[in-house]
N, C-alpha and C. Protein backbone atom coordinates (compact mmCIF):
# COMPACT_ATOMS: atom_id res chain seq x y z
N UNK A 1 -0.06 -11.89 -16.88
CA UNK A 1 -1.22 -11.46 -16.13
C UNK A 1 -1.53 -10.01 -16.51
N UNK A 2 -2.77 -9.76 -16.89
CA UNK A 2 -3.19 -8.42 -17.27
C UNK A 2 -3.73 -7.73 -16.03
N UNK A 3 -3.18 -6.56 -15.73
CA UNK A 3 -3.63 -5.80 -14.56
C UNK A 3 -4.80 -4.91 -14.90
N UNK A 4 -5.53 -4.56 -13.89
CA UNK A 4 -6.63 -3.63 -14.03
C UNK A 4 -6.16 -2.28 -13.53
N UNK A 5 -6.48 -1.24 -14.26
CA UNK A 5 -6.11 0.11 -13.83
C UNK A 5 -6.77 0.40 -12.49
N UNK A 6 -6.07 1.10 -11.62
CA UNK A 6 -6.67 1.42 -10.32
C UNK A 6 -7.87 2.34 -10.49
N UNK A 7 -8.80 2.23 -9.56
CA UNK A 7 -9.92 3.15 -9.55
C UNK A 7 -9.40 4.57 -9.35
N UNK A 8 -9.99 5.50 -10.06
CA UNK A 8 -9.64 6.92 -9.90
C UNK A 8 -10.83 7.62 -9.25
N UNK A 9 -10.57 8.26 -8.14
CA UNK A 9 -11.64 8.89 -7.36
C UNK A 9 -11.29 10.35 -7.12
N UNK A 10 -12.22 11.23 -7.44
CA UNK A 10 -12.07 12.64 -7.12
C UNK A 10 -12.78 12.90 -5.80
N UNK A 11 -12.10 13.53 -4.88
CA UNK A 11 -12.71 13.94 -3.61
C UNK A 11 -12.72 15.45 -3.56
N UNK A 12 -13.83 16.01 -3.13
CA UNK A 12 -13.92 17.46 -3.12
C UNK A 12 -14.77 18.01 -1.98
N UNK A 13 -14.55 19.27 -1.73
CA UNK A 13 -15.33 20.05 -0.77
C UNK A 13 -15.97 21.17 -1.56
N UNK A 14 -17.28 21.12 -1.71
CA UNK A 14 -17.98 22.14 -2.48
C UNK A 14 -18.66 23.13 -1.54
N UNK A 15 -18.80 24.33 -2.03
CA UNK A 15 -19.48 25.35 -1.24
C UNK A 15 -18.55 26.03 -0.25
N UNK A 16 -19.14 26.54 0.80
CA UNK A 16 -18.40 27.36 1.76
C UNK A 16 -17.79 26.57 2.90
N UNK A 17 -18.04 25.30 2.95
CA UNK A 17 -17.54 24.47 4.04
C UNK A 17 -16.01 24.45 4.04
N UNK A 18 -15.41 24.76 5.18
CA UNK A 18 -13.95 24.80 5.27
C UNK A 18 -13.35 23.71 6.12
N UNK A 19 -14.13 22.72 6.52
CA UNK A 19 -13.63 21.65 7.38
C UNK A 19 -13.21 20.48 6.50
N UNK A 20 -11.92 20.14 6.49
CA UNK A 20 -11.46 19.12 5.55
C UNK A 20 -10.71 17.94 6.18
N UNK A 21 -10.72 17.84 7.49
CA UNK A 21 -9.99 16.75 8.13
C UNK A 21 -10.51 15.38 7.68
N UNK A 22 -11.84 15.22 7.69
CA UNK A 22 -12.43 13.93 7.34
C UNK A 22 -12.12 13.50 5.92
N UNK A 23 -12.24 14.41 4.98
CA UNK A 23 -12.00 14.04 3.58
C UNK A 23 -10.54 13.69 3.34
N UNK A 24 -9.65 14.33 4.09
CA UNK A 24 -8.23 13.98 3.96
C UNK A 24 -7.97 12.58 4.51
N UNK A 25 -8.69 12.19 5.54
CA UNK A 25 -8.56 10.82 6.06
C UNK A 25 -9.09 9.81 5.04
N UNK A 26 -10.20 10.16 4.40
CA UNK A 26 -10.75 9.28 3.36
C UNK A 26 -9.76 9.16 2.21
N UNK A 27 -9.17 10.28 1.80
CA UNK A 27 -8.19 10.25 0.71
C UNK A 27 -7.05 9.30 1.03
N UNK A 28 -6.55 9.37 2.24
CA UNK A 28 -5.44 8.49 2.63
C UNK A 28 -5.87 7.03 2.62
N UNK A 29 -7.06 6.74 3.12
CA UNK A 29 -7.55 5.35 3.14
C UNK A 29 -7.70 4.80 1.73
N UNK A 30 -8.20 5.62 0.82
CA UNK A 30 -8.37 5.17 -0.57
C UNK A 30 -7.03 4.95 -1.24
N UNK A 31 -6.08 5.84 -1.00
CA UNK A 31 -4.74 5.65 -1.55
C UNK A 31 -4.10 4.38 -0.99
N UNK A 32 -4.24 4.18 0.32
CA UNK A 32 -3.69 2.97 0.96
C UNK A 32 -4.31 1.70 0.38
N UNK A 33 -5.55 1.82 -0.13
CA UNK A 33 -6.24 0.67 -0.72
C UNK A 33 -5.90 0.51 -2.21
N UNK A 34 -4.99 1.35 -2.73
CA UNK A 34 -4.54 1.21 -4.11
C UNK A 34 -5.27 2.05 -5.13
N UNK A 35 -6.10 2.96 -4.67
CA UNK A 35 -6.82 3.82 -5.61
C UNK A 35 -6.03 5.09 -5.87
N UNK A 36 -6.28 5.68 -7.02
CA UNK A 36 -5.70 6.98 -7.34
C UNK A 36 -6.72 8.04 -6.91
N UNK A 37 -6.26 9.02 -6.14
CA UNK A 37 -7.16 10.03 -5.59
C UNK A 37 -6.75 11.41 -6.09
N UNK A 38 -7.74 12.14 -6.57
CA UNK A 38 -7.57 13.54 -6.95
C UNK A 38 -8.35 14.34 -5.92
N UNK A 39 -7.66 15.17 -5.14
CA UNK A 39 -8.34 16.00 -4.15
C UNK A 39 -8.37 17.43 -4.65
N UNK A 40 -9.56 17.98 -4.80
CA UNK A 40 -9.70 19.31 -5.39
C UNK A 40 -9.51 20.44 -4.39
N UNK A 41 -9.54 20.13 -3.11
CA UNK A 41 -9.38 21.17 -2.11
C UNK A 41 -10.69 21.80 -1.70
N UNK A 42 -10.57 22.87 -0.93
CA UNK A 42 -11.73 23.55 -0.35
C UNK A 42 -12.38 24.53 -1.33
N UNK A 43 -13.65 24.83 -1.03
CA UNK A 43 -14.39 25.92 -1.68
C UNK A 43 -14.53 25.77 -3.19
N UNK A 44 -14.79 24.56 -3.63
CA UNK A 44 -14.98 24.31 -5.06
C UNK A 44 -16.45 24.51 -5.43
N UNK A 45 -16.69 24.86 -6.67
CA UNK A 45 -18.05 24.92 -7.19
C UNK A 45 -18.39 23.56 -7.82
N UNK A 46 -19.66 23.26 -7.95
CA UNK A 46 -20.01 22.03 -8.67
C UNK A 46 -19.40 21.99 -10.07
N UNK A 47 -19.37 23.12 -10.74
CA UNK A 47 -18.79 23.18 -12.09
C UNK A 47 -17.31 22.83 -12.08
N UNK A 48 -16.58 23.34 -11.11
CA UNK A 48 -15.15 23.02 -11.01
C UNK A 48 -14.94 21.53 -10.75
N UNK A 49 -15.75 20.97 -9.87
CA UNK A 49 -15.63 19.54 -9.55
C UNK A 49 -15.89 18.69 -10.78
N UNK A 50 -16.96 18.99 -11.49
CA UNK A 50 -17.32 18.19 -12.67
C UNK A 50 -16.26 18.34 -13.76
N UNK A 51 -15.81 19.54 -14.01
CA UNK A 51 -14.77 19.74 -15.04
C UNK A 51 -13.50 18.98 -14.68
N UNK A 52 -13.09 19.04 -13.42
CA UNK A 52 -11.89 18.31 -13.00
C UNK A 52 -12.11 16.80 -13.12
N UNK A 53 -13.27 16.33 -12.74
CA UNK A 53 -13.56 14.89 -12.82
C UNK A 53 -13.45 14.39 -14.25
N UNK A 54 -13.96 15.16 -15.18
CA UNK A 54 -13.90 14.76 -16.59
C UNK A 54 -12.46 14.82 -17.10
N UNK A 55 -11.76 15.89 -16.78
CA UNK A 55 -10.36 16.02 -17.21
C UNK A 55 -9.48 14.92 -16.65
N UNK A 56 -9.76 14.52 -15.43
CA UNK A 56 -8.94 13.49 -14.75
C UNK A 56 -9.42 12.08 -15.03
N UNK A 57 -10.51 11.94 -15.77
CA UNK A 57 -11.05 10.62 -16.14
C UNK A 57 -11.28 9.73 -14.92
N UNK A 58 -12.03 10.26 -13.95
CA UNK A 58 -12.27 9.51 -12.72
C UNK A 58 -13.45 8.57 -12.87
N UNK A 59 -13.49 7.56 -12.01
CA UNK A 59 -14.60 6.63 -11.95
C UNK A 59 -15.70 7.11 -11.01
N UNK A 60 -15.29 7.90 -10.00
CA UNK A 60 -16.25 8.32 -8.98
C UNK A 60 -15.86 9.69 -8.42
N UNK A 61 -16.89 10.38 -7.92
CA UNK A 61 -16.72 11.65 -7.23
C UNK A 61 -17.29 11.48 -5.83
N UNK A 62 -16.49 11.80 -4.83
CA UNK A 62 -16.95 11.79 -3.45
C UNK A 62 -16.89 13.20 -2.90
N UNK A 63 -18.03 13.68 -2.42
CA UNK A 63 -18.09 15.04 -1.89
C UNK A 63 -18.39 15.00 -0.40
N UNK A 64 -17.66 15.79 0.35
CA UNK A 64 -17.87 15.92 1.79
C UNK A 64 -18.59 17.23 2.04
N UNK A 65 -19.70 17.13 2.76
CA UNK A 65 -20.53 18.31 3.00
C UNK A 65 -20.90 18.41 4.48
N UNK A 66 -20.62 19.55 5.04
CA UNK A 66 -21.00 19.82 6.42
C UNK A 66 -21.81 21.11 6.53
N UNK A 67 -22.02 21.77 5.43
CA UNK A 67 -22.60 23.12 5.42
C UNK A 67 -24.12 23.15 5.39
N UNK A 68 -24.76 22.01 5.14
CA UNK A 68 -26.21 21.98 5.03
C UNK A 68 -26.72 22.20 3.61
N UNK A 69 -25.82 22.36 2.66
CA UNK A 69 -26.23 22.63 1.27
C UNK A 69 -26.26 21.37 0.41
N UNK A 70 -26.26 20.21 1.03
CA UNK A 70 -26.18 18.93 0.31
C UNK A 70 -27.35 18.71 -0.65
N UNK A 71 -28.54 19.18 -0.30
CA UNK A 71 -29.71 18.96 -1.17
C UNK A 71 -29.63 19.77 -2.46
N UNK A 72 -28.79 20.76 -2.51
CA UNK A 72 -28.55 21.50 -3.74
C UNK A 72 -27.28 21.02 -4.44
N UNK A 73 -26.18 20.93 -3.68
CA UNK A 73 -24.87 20.70 -4.29
C UNK A 73 -24.72 19.30 -4.90
N UNK A 74 -25.15 18.26 -4.22
CA UNK A 74 -25.00 16.91 -4.78
C UNK A 74 -25.84 16.72 -6.05
N UNK A 75 -27.14 17.08 -6.04
CA UNK A 75 -27.90 16.97 -7.29
C UNK A 75 -27.35 17.86 -8.40
N UNK A 76 -26.79 19.00 -8.06
CA UNK A 76 -26.22 19.88 -9.08
C UNK A 76 -25.04 19.22 -9.78
N UNK A 77 -24.20 18.53 -9.02
CA UNK A 77 -23.07 17.81 -9.62
C UNK A 77 -23.59 16.74 -10.58
N UNK A 78 -24.60 16.01 -10.17
CA UNK A 78 -25.17 14.96 -11.03
C UNK A 78 -25.77 15.57 -12.29
N UNK A 79 -26.47 16.69 -12.14
CA UNK A 79 -27.06 17.38 -13.29
C UNK A 79 -25.97 17.82 -14.28
N UNK A 80 -24.89 18.37 -13.77
CA UNK A 80 -23.79 18.82 -14.65
C UNK A 80 -23.12 17.63 -15.34
N UNK A 81 -22.96 16.53 -14.64
CA UNK A 81 -22.38 15.33 -15.26
C UNK A 81 -23.25 14.87 -16.43
N UNK A 82 -24.56 14.88 -16.24
CA UNK A 82 -25.48 14.49 -17.31
C UNK A 82 -25.37 15.45 -18.49
N UNK A 83 -25.31 16.74 -18.20
CA UNK A 83 -25.21 17.74 -19.27
C UNK A 83 -23.95 17.54 -20.10
N UNK A 84 -22.89 17.04 -19.48
CA UNK A 84 -21.62 16.87 -20.17
C UNK A 84 -21.41 15.44 -20.68
N UNK A 85 -22.46 14.61 -20.59
CA UNK A 85 -22.36 13.25 -21.09
C UNK A 85 -21.46 12.36 -20.25
N UNK A 86 -21.32 12.67 -18.98
CA UNK A 86 -20.43 11.91 -18.10
C UNK A 86 -21.20 11.27 -16.94
N UNK A 87 -22.43 10.87 -17.22
CA UNK A 87 -23.25 10.30 -16.15
C UNK A 87 -22.78 8.93 -15.68
N UNK A 88 -21.76 8.38 -16.34
CA UNK A 88 -21.19 7.12 -15.88
C UNK A 88 -20.30 7.31 -14.65
N UNK A 89 -19.97 8.54 -14.30
CA UNK A 89 -19.18 8.80 -13.10
C UNK A 89 -20.10 8.71 -11.89
N UNK A 90 -19.76 7.83 -10.97
CA UNK A 90 -20.55 7.60 -9.76
C UNK A 90 -20.34 8.75 -8.79
N UNK A 91 -21.42 9.22 -8.16
CA UNK A 91 -21.33 10.28 -7.16
C UNK A 91 -21.76 9.71 -5.81
N UNK A 92 -20.92 9.95 -4.80
CA UNK A 92 -21.28 9.59 -3.43
C UNK A 92 -20.93 10.75 -2.52
N UNK A 93 -21.53 10.74 -1.34
CA UNK A 93 -21.32 11.86 -0.44
C UNK A 93 -21.09 11.39 0.98
N UNK A 94 -20.66 12.34 1.78
CA UNK A 94 -20.45 12.07 3.19
C UNK A 94 -20.44 13.35 3.97
N UNK A 95 -20.47 13.19 5.28
CA UNK A 95 -20.46 14.35 6.17
C UNK A 95 -21.72 14.40 6.99
N UNK A 96 -22.12 15.59 7.33
CA UNK A 96 -23.30 15.78 8.17
C UNK A 96 -24.51 15.95 7.24
N UNK A 97 -25.16 14.84 6.98
CA UNK A 97 -26.33 14.82 6.11
C UNK A 97 -27.43 14.09 6.87
N UNK A 98 -28.53 14.78 7.19
CA UNK A 98 -29.60 14.14 7.96
C UNK A 98 -30.17 12.91 7.25
N UNK A 99 -30.51 11.90 8.04
CA UNK A 99 -31.10 10.68 7.48
C UNK A 99 -32.33 10.98 6.62
N UNK A 100 -33.10 11.99 7.02
CA UNK A 100 -34.32 12.34 6.29
C UNK A 100 -34.04 12.80 4.86
N UNK A 101 -32.82 13.24 4.59
CA UNK A 101 -32.47 13.74 3.25
C UNK A 101 -31.87 12.67 2.34
N UNK A 102 -31.50 11.54 2.90
CA UNK A 102 -30.77 10.52 2.13
C UNK A 102 -31.61 9.96 0.98
N UNK A 103 -32.87 9.64 1.23
CA UNK A 103 -33.68 9.03 0.15
C UNK A 103 -33.85 10.00 -1.02
N UNK A 104 -34.02 11.29 -0.76
CA UNK A 104 -34.13 12.27 -1.84
C UNK A 104 -32.85 12.39 -2.64
N UNK A 105 -31.71 12.33 -1.93
CA UNK A 105 -30.42 12.40 -2.62
C UNK A 105 -30.20 11.17 -3.49
N UNK A 106 -30.59 10.00 -2.98
CA UNK A 106 -30.45 8.78 -3.78
C UNK A 106 -31.38 8.83 -5.00
N UNK A 107 -32.57 9.37 -4.82
CA UNK A 107 -33.50 9.50 -5.94
C UNK A 107 -32.93 10.44 -7.00
N UNK A 108 -32.12 11.41 -6.58
CA UNK A 108 -31.49 12.34 -7.52
C UNK A 108 -30.29 11.73 -8.22
N UNK A 109 -29.85 10.55 -7.76
CA UNK A 109 -28.74 9.88 -8.42
C UNK A 109 -27.49 9.69 -7.59
N UNK A 110 -27.50 10.16 -6.35
CA UNK A 110 -26.35 9.94 -5.47
C UNK A 110 -26.33 8.45 -5.11
N UNK A 111 -25.21 7.80 -5.34
CA UNK A 111 -25.15 6.35 -5.16
C UNK A 111 -25.15 5.94 -3.69
N UNK A 112 -24.45 6.70 -2.85
CA UNK A 112 -24.39 6.33 -1.43
C UNK A 112 -24.03 7.55 -0.60
N UNK A 113 -24.50 7.56 0.65
CA UNK A 113 -24.15 8.60 1.62
C UNK A 113 -23.49 7.92 2.81
N UNK A 114 -22.32 8.42 3.19
CA UNK A 114 -21.59 7.91 4.35
C UNK A 114 -21.67 8.94 5.46
N UNK A 115 -22.18 8.52 6.60
CA UNK A 115 -22.32 9.44 7.73
C UNK A 115 -21.09 9.47 8.61
N UNK A 116 -21.13 10.34 9.61
CA UNK A 116 -20.01 10.42 10.56
C UNK A 116 -19.77 9.06 11.22
N UNK A 117 -18.52 8.73 11.40
CA UNK A 117 -18.16 7.47 12.06
C UNK A 117 -18.14 6.26 11.15
N UNK A 118 -18.40 6.44 9.87
CA UNK A 118 -18.33 5.33 8.93
C UNK A 118 -16.90 4.79 8.91
N UNK A 119 -16.73 3.49 9.10
CA UNK A 119 -15.36 2.94 9.00
C UNK A 119 -14.81 3.14 7.59
N UNK A 120 -13.54 3.45 7.51
CA UNK A 120 -12.90 3.67 6.21
C UNK A 120 -13.05 2.44 5.32
N UNK A 121 -13.02 1.26 5.92
CA UNK A 121 -13.17 0.03 5.15
C UNK A 121 -14.52 -0.01 4.42
N UNK A 122 -15.54 0.61 4.99
CA UNK A 122 -16.84 0.65 4.33
C UNK A 122 -16.80 1.47 3.06
N UNK A 123 -16.08 2.57 3.08
CA UNK A 123 -15.95 3.42 1.89
C UNK A 123 -15.11 2.71 0.84
N UNK A 124 -14.02 2.09 1.28
CA UNK A 124 -13.15 1.34 0.35
C UNK A 124 -13.93 0.21 -0.29
N UNK A 125 -14.68 -0.54 0.51
CA UNK A 125 -15.47 -1.66 -0.04
C UNK A 125 -16.52 -1.19 -1.03
N UNK A 126 -17.17 -0.07 -0.72
CA UNK A 126 -18.16 0.49 -1.64
C UNK A 126 -17.52 0.76 -3.00
N UNK A 127 -16.37 1.44 -2.98
CA UNK A 127 -15.72 1.79 -4.24
C UNK A 127 -15.19 0.56 -4.97
N UNK A 128 -14.63 -0.38 -4.25
CA UNK A 128 -14.16 -1.61 -4.89
C UNK A 128 -15.32 -2.37 -5.52
N UNK A 129 -16.51 -2.22 -4.93
CA UNK A 129 -17.71 -2.88 -5.45
C UNK A 129 -18.19 -2.29 -6.77
N UNK A 130 -17.62 -1.15 -7.16
CA UNK A 130 -17.98 -0.55 -8.45
C UNK A 130 -17.39 -1.32 -9.61
N UNK A 131 -16.35 -2.09 -9.32
CA UNK A 131 -15.69 -2.90 -10.36
C UNK A 131 -16.49 -4.15 -10.62
N UNK A 132 -16.64 -4.52 -11.89
CA UNK A 132 -17.37 -5.77 -12.20
C UNK A 132 -16.62 -6.98 -11.72
């Protein structure tokens, strides 16, 4: 039986946001579901996140944002991925992101936004759905 390599997911906190409890819970849920998780920690720049994602050969980047800078930071990550020829890396976000901003973020290339209270199983299922 030939096994499939586990999904590799980078989770990060970009910008000045210092609240990381939620993303740590997501990291644990993804690990429990058999995924490999790279957590970049707090106060990362979009450039740091993209460089780490490429170096770690991840399938997806999940960013948690509570600072209100989501309309800049998420599209910036996608722009940098394109510049580096890594647009195959899926970007998703979560945290406090107003519903009114979701359609613009999706138009910029963000695959999905998870709001507060999203069951962990929903995030796991989304990522598992990335596999053919």
